[in-house]
Protein backbone atom coordinates (compact mmCIF):
# COMPACT_ATOMS: atom_id res chain seq x y z
CA MET A 1 -5.13 0.82 16.89
CA THR A 2 -7.01 -1.80 14.89
CA ILE A 3 -6.11 -2.65 11.24
CA LEU A 4 -9.23 -0.85 10.12
CA GLU A 5 -8.22 2.28 11.96
CA LYS A 6 -4.77 2.18 10.59
CA ALA A 7 -6.14 1.79 7.00
CA LYS A 8 -8.47 4.66 7.57
CA TYR A 9 -5.49 6.79 8.88
CA LEU A 10 -3.48 5.96 5.76
CA PHE A 11 -6.46 6.68 3.43
CA GLN A 12 -7.01 10.02 5.06
CA LYS A 13 -3.42 11.31 5.85
CA GLY A 14 -1.32 9.31 3.45
CA GLU A 15 -0.57 9.84 -0.17
CA PHE A 16 -1.81 7.13 -2.63
CA ILE A 17 1.23 5.87 -4.66
CA GLY A 18 -0.05 2.89 -6.72
CA ASP A 19 -1.63 -0.44 -6.70
CA ARG A 20 -0.90 -3.98 -7.83
CA HIS A 21 -2.47 -7.40 -7.80
CA HIS A 22 -0.80 -10.54 -6.26
CA LEU A 23 -2.23 -14.02 -5.80
CA GLY A 24 -5.82 -12.73 -5.65
CA CYS A 25 -5.04 -9.74 -3.37
CA LYS A 26 -5.14 -6.11 -4.28
CA LYS A 27 -2.15 -4.26 -2.82
CA LEU A 28 -2.37 -0.61 -2.29
CA LEU A 29 0.79 1.51 -1.57
CA TYR A 30 0.75 4.65 0.38
CA SER A 31 3.34 7.15 1.50
CA LEU A 32 3.13 8.85 4.92
CA ASN A 33 5.83 10.79 6.58
CA GLY A 34 8.60 9.72 4.35
CA LYS A 35 7.81 5.95 4.69
CA PHE A 36 5.88 3.54 2.44
CA TYR A 37 3.04 1.35 3.52
CA GLU A 38 1.34 -1.50 1.80
CA ILE A 39 -2.21 -2.39 2.38
CA SER A 40 -3.26 -5.98 1.40
CA TYR A 41 -6.94 -6.20 0.53
CA LEU A 42 -8.74 -9.46 -0.04
CA ALA A 43 -11.55 -8.34 -2.46
CA ASN A 44 -13.39 -11.75 -2.43
CA GLU A 45 -13.68 -11.49 1.44
CA ASN A 46 -13.87 -7.71 1.67
CA VAL A 47 -11.13 -7.86 4.26
CA ILE A 48 -7.91 -5.94 4.84
CA ASP A 49 -5.40 -8.74 5.36
CA PHE A 50 -2.37 -6.63 6.61
CA ILE A 51 -0.55 -3.33 6.52
CA GLU A 52 3.18 -3.33 6.35
CA SER A 53 5.94 -0.93 6.17
CA ARG A 54 7.98 -1.22 2.93
CA SER A 55 11.36 -0.21 1.90
CA ILE A 56 12.26 1.82 -1.08
CA ASN A 57 13.93 -1.29 -2.61
CA PHE A 58 10.51 -3.11 -2.31
CA VAL A 59 8.66 -0.27 -3.85
CA VAL A 60 11.02 -0.10 -6.81
CA LYS A 61 10.85 -3.92 -7.33
CA TYR A 62 7.12 -4.33 -7.15
CA TYR A 63 5.65 -0.97 -8.25
CA ALA A 64 8.10 0.37 -10.75
CA ASP A 65 5.87 -0.64 -13.73
CA ALA A 66 2.70 0.74 -11.99
CA ILE A 67 3.87 4.21 -10.88
CA ASP A 68 6.04 7.14 -11.81
CA ILE A 69 9.01 6.59 -9.40
CA GLY A 70 10.55 9.85 -10.65
CA ASN A 71 8.43 11.66 -8.03
CA ILE A 72 9.46 9.41 -5.14
């Protein structure tokens, strides 16, 4: 599965949790099947850089101010 196919799958099947900006990249956080996935999008290049699985500790550390973690 290509990175674009993985992203499309997350967009369609996952639940959008929140986003953040880091070093010129937009990071999108999705939840799917009880796991968290972060999509890194380079807006200037219109490219998805990577998709990585993220732990709950990572989510709390980097997204706590952007989302309501009470629902997680």
